[in-house]
Amino acid sequence: MSSTAEPSPAWRAVVVTLFPEMFPGPLGTSLSGRALEAGAWRLDTVNIREFATDRHHSVDDEPFGGGPGMVMRPDIVDSALESAANLVDGVAPIIYLSPRGRPLDQKRVRELADGPGATLLCGRFEGIDQRVLDVWQVEEISLGDFILSGGETAAIALLDSVVRLLPGVIGAAESLTEESFEQDLLEYPHYTRPAIWRDRQGGENKVPEVLASGHHGKIAAWRREQAEAITQARRPDLWAKHSAQGSARDRQGSER
């Protein structure tokens, strides 16, 4: 289990895993890495295998009822979670990265960023005994409809999404409000220099003229139109949600 003698910052992550060597991994570079060095957040790991009780350090066993694979034992995971709770005073939510969990969205990411931290439980094999998940009231979160070898990669992705929202991590805070999913819309296209690319002026190689116009109102309207068109084409589920919220706002306005 890794820890330091430095004071705890406002946001703290504890990762409960069989592979603590995977951390910080990518989280030790770029924005999250600089924020970690600056003390904007703290990362600790709890090695589940340290709580094994036999000489082979086994953490799993065959599933009741038969079937393929192995299941992580509740007694061992329970001891690891007890250790993690001591690091965060038991106030942070415990999240189990699982394909059967509720899909992670930007709203939940913001909620986590506004809180004290999170304990992330990384499963392996066929999963974790349900009893320990029930006892600890673990929240299950999924990154999507696909399977990973373990929860560590998902934990890194979740932490990256949260850390970038912490105060001071991103310099231009206003850029966070225009990102995909912030208003149930995907983000509009971006362009930069050179204005003419590959010596062509037509088709996709030409920067839209409105972006060089200097007219902030027209630029904002163009970006909004692009975001709506992309969302409608690529994510009809988000578009339906966005449209429903817009209709609700219109009804509220008409009732006033």
C-alpha atoms as a PDB file:
ATOM      1  CA  MET A   1       0.000   0.000   0.000  1.00  0.00           C
ATOM      2  CA  SER A   2       1.465   3.349  -1.048  1.00  0.00           C
ATOM      3  CA  SER A   3       1.113   6.582   0.867  1.00  0.00           C
ATOM      4  CA  THR A   4       3.084   9.699   1.718  1.00  0.00           C
ATOM      5  CA  ALA A   5       3.478  11.921   4.751  1.00  0.00           C
ATOM      6  CA  GLU A   6       2.183  14.993   2.888  1.00  0.00           C
ATOM      7  CA  PRO A   7      -1.075  16.610   4.006  1.00  0.00           C
ATOM      8  CA  SER A   8      -4.163  15.281   2.275  1.00  0.00           C
ATOM      9  CA  PRO A   9      -5.514  17.630  -0.398  1.00  0.00           C
ATOM     10  CA  ALA A  10      -9.176  18.296  -1.054  1.00  0.00           C
ATOM     11  CA  TRP A  11      -9.693  15.267  -3.310  1.00  0.00           C
ATOM     12  CA  ARG A  12      -8.338  11.778  -2.654  1.00  0.00           C
ATOM     13  CA  ALA A  13      -8.490   8.549  -4.617  1.00  0.00           C
ATOM     14  CA  VAL A  14      -7.843   5.105  -3.196  1.00  0.00           C
ATOM     15  CA  VAL A  15      -7.618   2.246  -5.694  1.00  0.00           C
ATOM     16  CA  VAL A  16      -8.201  -1.272  -4.365  1.00  0.00           C
ATOM     17  CA  THR A  17      -6.527  -3.595  -6.832  1.00  0.00           C
ATOM     18  CA  LEU A  18      -4.500  -6.739  -7.439  1.00  0.00           C
ATOM     19  CA  PHE A  19      -2.109  -4.690  -9.561  1.00  0.00           C
ATOM     20  CA  PRO A  20      -1.032  -1.532  -7.698  1.00  0.00           C
ATOM     21  CA  GLU A  21       1.959  -1.233 -10.043  1.00  0.00           C
ATOM     22  CA  MET A  22      -0.458  -0.048 -12.741  1.00  0.00           C
ATOM     23  CA  PHE A  23      -0.848   3.245 -10.867  1.00  0.00           C
ATOM     24  CA  PRO A  24      -0.404   6.113 -11.380  1.00  0.00           C
ATOM     25  CA  GLY A  25       0.398   4.967 -14.936  1.00  0.00           C
ATOM     26  CA  PRO A  26      -0.978   7.561 -17.375  1.00  0.00           C
ATOM     27  CA  LEU A  27      -2.289   9.543 -14.405  1.00  0.00           C
ATOM     28  CA  GLY A  28       1.310  10.457 -13.595  1.00  0.00           C
ATOM     29  CA  THR A  29       1.674  12.476 -16.815  1.00  0.00           C
ATOM     30  CA  SER A  30       0.189  15.600 -18.392  1.00  0.00           C
ATOM     31  CA  LEU A  31      -2.540  17.496 -16.513  1.00  0.00           C
ATOM     32  CA  SER A  32      -3.304  14.809 -13.951  1.00  0.00           C
ATOM     33  CA  GLY A  33       0.396  14.192 -13.290  1.00  0.00           C
ATOM     34  CA  ARG A  34       1.169  17.849 -12.722  1.00  0.00           C
ATOM     35  CA  ALA A  35      -1.876  18.152 -10.479  1.00  0.00           C
ATOM     36  CA  LEU A  36      -0.713  15.101  -8.516  1.00  0.00           C
ATOM     37  CA  GLU A  37       2.746  16.593  -8.017  1.00  0.00           C
ATOM     38  CA  ALA A  38       1.215  19.919  -6.998  1.00  0.00           C
ATOM     39  CA  GLY A  39      -0.986  18.266  -4.392  1.00  0.00           C
ATOM     40  CA  ALA A  40      -4.295  19.065  -6.072  1.00  0.00           C
ATOM     41  CA  TRP A  41      -5.258  15.443  -5.523  1.00  0.00           C
ATOM     42  CA  ARG A  42      -3.806  12.345  -3.896  1.00  0.00           C
ATOM     43  CA  LEU A  43      -3.594   8.763  -5.082  1.00  0.00           C
ATOM     44  CA  ASP A  44      -3.153   5.731  -2.835  1.00  0.00           C
ATOM     45  CA  THR A  45      -3.373   2.044  -3.637  1.00  0.00           C
ATOM     46  CA  VAL A  46      -4.425  -0.946  -1.561  1.00  0.00           C
ATOM     47  CA  ASN A  47      -3.073  -4.308  -2.720  1.00  0.00           C
ATOM     48  CA  ILE A  48      -5.845  -6.875  -2.335  1.00  0.00           C
ATOM     49  CA  ARG A  49      -3.358  -9.747  -2.364  1.00  0.00           C
ATOM     50  CA  GLU A  50      -1.807  -8.494   0.887  1.00  0.00           C
ATOM     51  CA  PHE A  51      -4.960  -9.641   2.683  1.00  0.00           C
ATOM     52  CA  ALA A  52      -4.823 -13.242   1.456  1.00  0.00           C
ATOM     53  CA  THR A  53      -4.572 -15.791   4.257  1.00  0.00           C
ATOM     54  CA  ASP A  54      -2.927 -18.805   2.631  1.00  0.00           C
ATOM     55  CA  ARG A  55       0.687 -19.376   1.605  1.00  0.00           C
ATOM     56  CA  HIS A  56      -0.215 -19.073  -2.069  1.00  0.00           C
ATOM     57  CA  HIS A  57      -1.803 -15.645  -1.517  1.00  0.00           C
ATOM     58  CA  SER A  58      -4.998 -16.792  -3.210  1.00  0.00           C
ATOM     59  CA  VAL A  59      -7.740 -14.199  -3.567  1.00  0.00           C
ATOM     60  CA  ASP A  60     -10.304 -16.174  -5.594  1.00  0.00           C
ATOM     61  CA  ASP A  61     -12.217 -19.447  -5.514  1.00  0.00           C
ATOM     62  CA  GLU A  62     -14.633 -21.493  -7.611  1.00  0.00           C
ATOM     63  CA  PRO A  63     -18.170 -20.093  -7.971  1.00  0.00           C
ATOM     64  CA  PHE A  64     -21.059 -21.692  -6.113  1.00  0.00           C
ATOM     65  CA  GLY A  65     -23.407 -23.269  -8.608  1.00  0.00           C
ATOM     66  CA  GLY A  66     -20.608 -24.073 -11.005  1.00  0.00           C
ATOM     67  CA  GLY A  67     -19.653 -22.300 -14.162  1.00  0.00           C
ATOM     68  CA  PRO A  68     -16.454 -21.001 -15.755  1.00  0.00           C
ATOM     69  CA  GLY A  69     -13.826 -18.849 -14.127  1.00  0.00           C
ATOM     70  CA  MET A  70     -13.143 -17.843 -10.559  1.00  0.00           C
ATOM     71  CA  VAL A  71     -14.706 -15.326  -8.168  1.00  0.00           C
ATOM     72  CA  MET A  72     -12.881 -12.942  -5.831  1.00  0.00           C
ATOM     73  CA  ARG A  73     -13.505 -13.933  -2.208  1.00  0.00           C
ATOM     74  CA  PRO A  74     -15.672 -11.662  -0.012  1.00  0.00           C
ATOM     75  CA  ASP A  75     -13.544 -11.990   3.124  1.00  0.00           C
ATOM     76  CA  ILE A  76     -10.365 -10.862   1.361  1.00  0.00           C
ATOM     77  CA  VAL A  77     -12.004  -8.002  -0.503  1.00  0.00           C
ATOM     78  CA  ASP A  78     -13.715  -6.948   2.729  1.00  0.00           C
ATOM     79  CA  SER A  79     -10.362  -6.638   4.517  1.00  0.00           C
ATOM     80  CA  ALA A  80      -8.963  -4.595   1.636  1.00  0.00           C
ATOM     81  CA  LEU A  81     -11.941  -2.247   1.741  1.00  0.00           C
ATOM     82  CA  GLU A  82     -11.533  -1.840   5.500  1.00  0.00           C
ATOM     83  CA  SER A  83      -7.969  -0.705   4.884  1.00  0.00           C
ATOM     84  CA  ALA A  84      -9.110   1.708   2.166  1.00  0.00           C
ATOM     85  CA  ALA A  85     -11.818   3.139   4.422  1.00  0.00           C
ATOM     86  CA  ASN A  86      -9.190   3.992   7.018  1.00  0.00           C
ATOM     87  CA  LEU A  87      -7.353   6.103   4.446  1.00  0.00           C
ATOM     88  CA  VAL A  88     -10.379   8.230   3.581  1.00  0.00           C
ATOM     89  CA  ASP A  89     -12.220   8.101   6.913  1.00  0.00           C
ATOM     90  CA  GLY A  90     -14.989   6.128   5.253  1.00  0.00           C
ATOM     91  CA  VAL A  91     -16.613   9.208   3.709  1.00  0.00           C
ATOM     92  CA  ALA A  92     -15.819   8.660   0.008  1.00  0.00           C
ATOM     93  CA  PRO A  93     -18.133   6.600  -2.225  1.00  0.00           C
ATOM     94  CA  ILE A  94     -16.939   3.121  -3.120  1.00  0.00           C
ATOM     95  CA  ILE A  95     -17.150   2.423  -6.838  1.00  0.00           C
ATOM     96  CA  TYR A  96     -16.785  -0.991  -8.433  1.00  0.00           C
ATOM     97  CA  LEU A  97     -15.824  -0.799 -12.109  1.00  0.00           C
ATOM     98  CA  SER A  98     -18.092  -3.395 -13.692  1.00  0.00           C
ATOM     99  CA  PRO A  99     -19.693  -3.957 -17.123  1.00  0.00           C
ATOM    100  CA  ARG A 100     -23.042  -4.445 -15.405  1.00  0.00           C
ATOM    101  CA  GLY A 101     -22.867  -1.042 -13.707  1.00  0.00           C
ATOM    102  CA  ARG A 102     -24.692   2.159 -14.551  1.00  0.00           C
ATOM    103  CA  PRO A 103     -22.985   3.884 -17.490  1.00  0.00           C
ATOM    104  CA  LEU A 104     -20.617   6.633 -16.434  1.00  0.00           C
ATOM    105  CA  ASP A 105     -21.674  10.088 -17.616  1.00  0.00           C
ATOM    106  CA  GLN A 106     -20.413  13.622 -17.194  1.00  0.00           C
ATOM    107  CA  LYS A 107     -23.025  14.395 -14.540  1.00  0.00           C
ATOM    108  CA  ARG A 108     -21.670  11.635 -12.283  1.00  0.00           C
ATOM    109  CA  VAL A 109     -18.094  12.729 -13.022  1.00  0.00           C
ATOM    110  CA  ARG A 110     -18.921  16.245 -11.840  1.00  0.00           C
ATOM    111  CA  GLU A 111     -20.604  14.899  -8.717  1.00  0.00           C
ATOM    112  CA  LEU A 112     -17.489  12.931  -7.872  1.00  0.00           C
ATOM    113  CA  ALA A 113     -15.245  15.936  -8.523  1.00  0.00           C
ATOM    114  CA  ASP A 114     -17.360  18.001  -6.127  1.00  0.00           C
ATOM    115  CA  GLY A 115     -16.987  15.388  -3.387  1.00  0.00           C
ATOM    116  CA  PRO A 116     -14.102  14.397  -1.075  1.00  0.00           C
ATOM    117  CA  GLY A 117     -12.735  11.622  -3.291  1.00  0.00           C
ATOM    118  CA  ALA A 118     -13.510   8.048  -4.248  1.00  0.00           C
ATOM    119  CA  THR A 119     -12.494   4.490  -3.467  1.00  0.00           C
ATOM    120  CA  LEU A 120     -12.254   2.490  -6.683  1.00  0.00           C
ATOM    121  CA  LEU A 121     -12.579  -1.281  -6.463  1.00  0.00           C
ATOM    122  CA  CYS A 122     -11.011  -3.105  -9.405  1.00  0.00           C
ATOM    123  CA  GLY A 123     -12.273  -6.593 -10.066  1.00  0.00           C
ATOM    124  CA  ARG A 124     -10.628  -9.453 -11.929  1.00  0.00           C
ATOM    125  CA  PHE A 125     -11.596 -12.973 -13.002  1.00  0.00           C
ATOM    126  CA  GLU A 126     -15.383 -13.450 -13.229  1.00  0.00           C
ATOM    127  CA  GLY A 127     -16.031 -10.729 -10.676  1.00  0.00           C
ATOM    128  CA  ILE A 128     -16.462 -10.186  -6.936  1.00  0.00           C
ATOM    129  CA  ASP A 129     -18.693 -12.071  -4.499  1.00  0.00           C
ATOM    130  CA  GLN A 130     -21.999 -10.181  -4.360  1.00  0.00           C
ATOM    131  CA  ARG A 131     -22.155 -10.258  -0.563  1.00  0.00           C
ATOM    132  CA  VAL A 132     -19.228  -7.903  -0.067  1.00  0.00           C
ATOM    133  CA  LEU A 133     -20.675  -5.505  -2.634  1.00  0.00           C
ATOM    134  CA  ASP A 134     -23.970  -5.487  -0.724  1.00  0.00           C
ATOM    135  CA  VAL A 135     -22.392  -5.043   2.706  1.00  0.00           C
ATOM    136  CA  TRP A 136     -20.313  -2.062   1.579  1.00  0.00           C
ATOM    137  CA  GLN A 137     -23.160  -0.587  -0.514  1.00  0.00           C
ATOM    138  CA  VAL A 138     -20.835  -0.406  -3.493  1.00  0.00           C
ATOM    139  CA  GLU A 139     -21.845   1.660  -6.502  1.00  0.00           C
ATOM    140  CA  GLU A 140     -21.278  -0.164  -9.783  1.00  0.00           C
ATOM    141  CA  ILE A 141     -20.191   1.922 -12.772  1.00  0.00           C
ATOM    142  CA  SER A 142     -19.504   0.858 -16.352  1.00  0.00           C
ATOM    143  CA  LEU A 143     -17.521   2.654 -19.050  1.00  0.00           C
ATOM    144  CA  GLY A 144     -19.587   1.045 -21.802  1.00  0.00           C
ATOM    145  CA  ASP A 145     -20.880  -2.118 -23.373  1.00  0.00           C
ATOM    146  CA  PHE A 146     -17.562  -3.904 -23.699  1.00  0.00           C
ATOM    147  CA  ILE A 147     -15.343  -6.102 -21.523  1.00  0.00           C
ATOM    148  CA  LEU A 148     -11.878  -5.303 -20.142  1.00  0.00           C
ATOM    149  CA  SER A 149      -9.418  -7.706 -18.515  1.00  0.00           C
ATOM    150  CA  GLY A 150      -9.891  -5.917 -15.202  1.00  0.00           C
ATOM    151  CA  GLY A 151     -11.125  -2.752 -13.557  1.00  0.00           C
ATOM    152  CA  GLU A 152      -7.767  -0.976 -13.477  1.00  0.00           C
ATOM    153  CA  THR A 153      -7.982   0.504 -16.965  1.00  0.00           C
ATOM    154  CA  ALA A 154     -11.517   1.703 -16.263  1.00  0.00           C
ATOM    155  CA  ALA A 155     -10.379   3.207 -12.946  1.00  0.00           C
ATOM    156  CA  ILE A 156      -7.649   5.180 -14.710  1.00  0.00           C
ATOM    157  CA  ALA A 157     -10.178   6.537 -17.211  1.00  0.00           C
ATOM    158  CA  LEU A 158     -12.622   7.519 -14.465  1.00  0.00           C
ATOM    159  CA  LEU A 159      -9.923   9.252 -12.432  1.00  0.00           C
ATOM    160  CA  ASP A 160      -8.675  11.157 -15.459  1.00  0.00           C
ATOM    161  CA  SER A 161     -12.190  12.433 -16.151  1.00  0.00           C
ATOM    162  CA  VAL A 162     -12.593  13.593 -12.539  1.00  0.00           C
ATOM    163  CA  VAL A 163      -9.164  15.105 -11.898  1.00  0.00           C
ATOM    164  CA  ARG A 164      -9.370  17.462 -14.876  1.00  0.00           C
ATOM    165  CA  LEU A 165     -12.465  19.042 -13.266  1.00  0.00           C
ATOM    166  CA  LEU A 166     -10.760  19.780  -9.951  1.00  0.00           C
ATOM    167  CA  PRO A 167     -10.119  23.478  -9.220  1.00  0.00           C
ATOM    168  CA  GLY A 168      -6.990  24.821 -10.892  1.00  0.00           C
ATOM    169  CA  VAL A 169      -6.167  21.707 -12.915  1.00  0.00           C
ATOM    170  CA  ILE A 170      -7.265  23.214 -16.250  1.00  0.00           C
ATOM    171  CA  GLY A 171      -6.283  26.835 -16.741  1.00  0.00           C
ATOM    172  CA  ALA A 172      -9.165  27.950 -18.974  1.00  0.00           C
ATOM    173  CA  ALA A 173     -12.091  26.846 -16.829  1.00  0.00           C
ATOM    174  CA  GLU A 174     -14.594  28.196 -19.349  1.00  0.00           C
ATOM    175  CA  SER A 175     -13.449  25.566 -21.852  1.00  0.00           C
ATOM    176  CA  LEU A 176     -14.962  22.880 -19.610  1.00  0.00           C
ATOM    177  CA  THR A 177     -18.476  24.257 -20.163  1.00  0.00           C
ATOM    178  CA  GLU A 178     -18.259  23.808 -23.949  1.00  0.00           C
ATOM    179  CA  GLU A 179     -17.117  20.190 -23.973  1.00  0.00           C
ATOM    180  CA  SER A 180     -19.113  17.225 -25.149  1.00  0.00           C
ATOM    181  CA  PHE A 181     -21.906  16.062 -22.810  1.00  0.00           C
ATOM    182  CA  GLU A 182     -22.000  19.276 -20.749  1.00  0.00           C
ATOM    183  CA  GLN A 183     -25.351  20.245 -22.320  1.00  0.00           C
ATOM    184  CA  ASP A 184     -26.268  16.790 -23.613  1.00  0.00           C
ATOM    185  CA  LEU A 185     -24.609  17.743 -26.895  1.00  0.00           C
ATOM    186  CA  LEU A 186     -21.442  16.535 -28.580  1.00  0.00           C
ATOM    187  CA  GLU A 187     -18.807  19.197 -29.141  1.00  0.00           C
ATOM    188  CA  TYR A 188     -18.618  21.246 -32.324  1.00  0.00           C
ATOM    189  CA  PRO A 189     -15.684  20.832 -34.796  1.00  0.00           C
ATOM    190  CA  HIS A 190     -12.395  22.664 -34.157  1.00  0.00           C
ATOM    191  CA  TYR A 191     -10.057  24.384 -36.620  1.00  0.00           C
ATOM    192  CA  THR A 192      -6.665  26.122 -36.366  1.00  0.00           C
ATOM    193  CA  ARG A 193      -3.848  27.378 -38.623  1.00  0.00           C
ATOM    194  CA  PRO A 194      -3.022  27.008 -41.433  1.00  0.00           C
ATOM    195  CA  ALA A 195      -6.245  28.385 -42.896  1.00  0.00           C
ATOM    196  CA  ILE A 196      -5.490  26.619 -46.175  1.00  0.00           C
ATOM    197  CA  TRP A 197      -4.261  23.058 -45.718  1.00  0.00           C
ATOM    198  CA  ARG A 198      -2.656  20.902 -48.418  1.00  0.00           C
ATOM    199  CA  ASP A 199      -2.841  23.873 -50.782  1.00  0.00           C
ATOM    200  CA  ARG A 200      -6.558  23.460 -51.304  1.00  0.00           C
ATOM    201  CA  GLN A 201      -9.355  25.937 -50.709  1.00  0.00           C
ATOM    202  CA  GLY A 202     -12.388  23.749 -51.281  1.00  0.00           C
ATOM    203  CA  GLY A 203     -14.160  20.964 -49.513  1.00  0.00           C
ATOM    204  CA  GLU A 204     -13.115  19.820 -46.068  1.00  0.00           C
ATOM    205  CA  ASN A 205      -9.707  21.494 -46.296  1.00  0.00           C
ATOM    206  CA  LYS A 206     -11.171  24.985 -46.027  1.00  0.00           C
ATOM    207  CA  VAL A 207     -11.816  26.574 -42.650  1.00  0.00           C
ATOM    208  CA  PRO A 208     -15.437  27.746 -42.375  1.00  0.00           C
ATOM    209  CA  GLU A 209     -15.517  31.457 -43.160  1.00  0.00           C
ATOM    210  CA  VAL A 210     -17.669  32.305 -40.164  1.00  0.00           C
ATOM    211  CA  LEU A 211     -14.859  31.302 -37.787  1.00  0.00           C
ATOM    212  CA  ALA A 212     -12.582  33.960 -39.299  1.00  0.00           C
ATOM    213  CA  SER A 213     -15.277  36.635 -39.338  1.00  0.00           C
ATOM    214  CA  GLY A 214     -14.659  37.940 -35.842  1.00  0.00           C
ATOM    215  CA  HIS A 215     -18.423  38.047 -35.270  1.00  0.00           C
ATOM    216  CA  HIS A 216     -18.820  36.340 -31.907  1.00  0.00           C
ATOM    217  CA  GLY A 217     -22.571  35.965 -32.182  1.00  0.00           C
ATOM    218  CA  LYS A 218     -22.394  34.273 -35.558  1.00  0.00           C
ATOM    219  CA  ILE A 219     -19.552  32.032 -34.387  1.00  0.00           C
ATOM    220  CA  ALA A 220     -21.540  30.960 -31.325  1.00  0.00           C
ATOM    221  CA  ALA A 221     -24.592  30.240 -33.479  1.00  0.00           C
ATOM    222  CA  TRP A 222     -22.531  28.204 -35.967  1.00  0.00           C
ATOM    223  CA  ARG A 223     -20.952  26.158 -33.198  1.00  0.00           C
ATOM    224  CA  ARG A 224     -24.341  25.491 -31.673  1.00  0.00           C
ATOM    225  CA  GLU A 225     -25.763  24.366 -35.023  1.00  0.00           C
ATOM    226  CA  GLN A 226     -22.785  22.076 -35.592  1.00  0.00           C
ATOM    227  CA  ALA A 227     -23.070  20.546 -32.111  1.00  0.00           C
ATOM    228  CA  GLU A 228     -26.761  19.876 -32.600  1.00  0.00           C
ATOM    229  CA  ALA A 229     -26.272  18.351 -36.061  1.00  0.00           C
ATOM    230  CA  ILE A 230     -23.444  16.070 -34.910  1.00  0.00           C
ATOM    231  CA  THR A 231     -25.359  14.958 -31.827  1.00  0.00           C
ATOM    232  CA  GLN A 232     -28.499  14.226 -33.816  1.00  0.00           C
ATOM    233  CA  ALA A 233     -26.542  12.144 -36.350  1.00  0.00           C
ATOM    234  CA  ARG A 234     -24.209  10.274 -34.018  1.00  0.00           C
ATOM    235  CA  ARG A 235     -26.001  10.059 -30.675  1.00  0.00           C
ATOM    236  CA  PRO A 236     -29.788  10.019 -31.111  1.00  0.00           C
ATOM    237  CA  ASP A 237     -30.102   9.065 -27.440  1.00  0.00           C
ATOM    238  CA  LEU A 238     -28.407  12.285 -26.359  1.00  0.00           C
ATOM    239  CA  TRP A 239     -30.374  14.293 -28.908  1.00  0.00           C
ATOM    240  CA  ALA A 240     -33.658  12.948 -27.559  1.00  0.00           C
ATOM    241  CA  LYS A 241     -32.620  13.886 -24.021  1.00  0.00           C
ATOM    242  CA  HIS A 242     -31.495  17.344 -25.135  1.00  0.00           C
ATOM    243  CA  SER A 243     -34.739  17.928 -27.045  1.00  0.00           C
ATOM    244  CA  ALA A 244     -36.858  16.809 -24.108  1.00  0.00           C
ATOM    245  CA  GLN A 245     -35.069  19.185 -21.755  1.00  0.00           C
ATOM    246  CA  GLY A 246     -35.500  22.023 -24.232  1.00  0.00           C
ATOM    247  CA  SER A 247     -39.238  21.346 -24.437  1.00  0.00           C
ATOM    248  CA  ALA A 248     -39.471  21.323 -20.651  1.00  0.00           C
ATOM    249  CA  ARG A 249     -37.721  24.681 -20.442  1.00  0.00           C
ATOM    250  CA  ASP A 250     -40.072  26.123 -23.052  1.00  0.00           C
ATOM    251  CA  ARG A 251     -43.105  24.933 -21.080  1.00  0.00           C
ATOM    252  CA  GLN A 252     -41.757  26.451 -17.885  1.00  0.00           C
ATOM    253  CA  GLY A 253     -41.159  29.735 -19.659  1.00  0.00           C
ATOM    254  CA  SER A 254     -44.683  29.861 -21.084  1.00  0.00           C
ATOM    255  CA  GLU A 255     -46.203  29.237 -17.653  1.00  0.00           C
ATOM    256  CA  ARG A 256     -44.546  32.266 -16.120  1.00  0.00           C
END
